[in-house]
Protein backbone atom coordinates (compact mmCIF):
# COMPACT_ATOMS: atom_id res chain seq x y z
CA MET A 1 -25.90 27.44 -28.98
CA LYS A 2 -27.36 30.91 -28.57
CA ILE A 3 -29.09 30.67 -31.93
CA TRP A 4 -30.93 27.49 -30.89
CA ILE A 5 -32.13 29.15 -27.71
CA SER A 6 -33.37 32.11 -29.74
CA ILE A 7 -35.12 29.88 -32.26
CA SER A 8 -36.74 27.84 -29.47
CA PHE A 9 -37.92 30.99 -27.73
CA LEU A 10 -39.41 32.40 -30.94
CA TYR A 11 -41.15 29.10 -31.66
CA LEU A 12 -42.73 28.95 -28.19
CA ALA A 13 -43.73 32.60 -28.36
CA SER A 14 -45.38 31.99 -31.75
CA LEU A 15 -47.38 29.08 -30.36
CA MET A 16 -48.58 31.20 -27.46
CA LEU A 17 -49.62 34.03 -29.77
CA VAL A 18 -51.63 31.71 -32.00
CA SER A 19 -53.65 30.29 -29.13
CA CYS A 20 -54.22 33.73 -27.62
CA SER A 21 -55.25 35.21 -30.93
CA GLN A 22 -57.87 32.48 -31.50
CA GLN A 23 -59.44 33.25 -28.15
CA GLY A 24 -59.23 36.98 -28.83
CA VAL A 25 -60.96 36.61 -32.19
CA TYR A 26 -63.70 34.47 -30.63
CA GLU A 27 -64.32 37.00 -27.87
CA ALA A 28 -64.34 39.92 -30.32
CA ILE A 29 -66.95 38.16 -32.45
CA GLN A 30 -69.06 37.42 -29.37
CA ASN A 31 -68.85 41.06 -28.25
CA ASN A 32 -69.81 42.28 -31.72
CA GLN A 33 -72.81 39.93 -31.91
CA CYS A 34 -73.92 41.02 -28.46
CA LEU A 35 -73.60 44.68 -29.43
CA GLU A 36 -75.71 44.12 -32.54
CA LYS A 37 -78.44 42.25 -30.64
CA THR A 38 -78.65 44.18 -27.38
CA GLY A 39 -76.70 47.40 -27.79
CA LYS A 40 -74.31 46.26 -25.04
CA VAL A 41 -70.73 45.15 -25.61
CA TYR A 42 -70.87 42.28 -23.13
CA CYS A 43 -73.68 39.76 -22.60
CA ASP A 44 -73.96 37.53 -19.56
CA GLU A 45 -75.40 34.56 -21.45
CA ARG A 46 -72.56 34.19 -23.92
CA GLN A 47 -70.51 31.00 -23.98
CA ASP A 48 -66.92 31.23 -22.75
CA TYR A 49 -64.07 30.28 -25.06
CA GLU A 50 -63.06 27.11 -23.22
CA THR A 51 -66.60 25.67 -23.44
CA TYR A 52 -66.84 26.65 -27.10
CA LYS A 53 -63.46 25.04 -27.88
CA ARG A 54 -64.33 21.82 -26.03
CA GLU A 55 -67.69 21.48 -27.83
CA ARG A 56 -66.11 22.33 -31.18
CA ASP A 57 -63.38 19.73 -30.70
CA GLU A 58 -66.00 17.09 -29.80
CA VAL A 59 -67.94 17.79 -33.00
CA LEU A 60 -64.79 17.70 -35.12
CA THR A 61 -63.64 14.38 -33.65
CA LYS A 62 -67.07 12.81 -34.29
CA LYS A 63 -66.86 13.76 -37.97
CA LYS A 64 -63.60 11.81 -38.44
């Protein structure tokens, strides 16, 4: 029984890490692009991850 709890916990933790890492990569790319364009690490006009993900998912579903 303990092994199933451990496996379930590791599976859920892995899922959380994947979603967090995608957002982290997106934000790092945005920061890098902003730094290259303006010399600042953070730009006010950049798109947040949730908006980007929603628009990306809409485009991908239209292609199917």
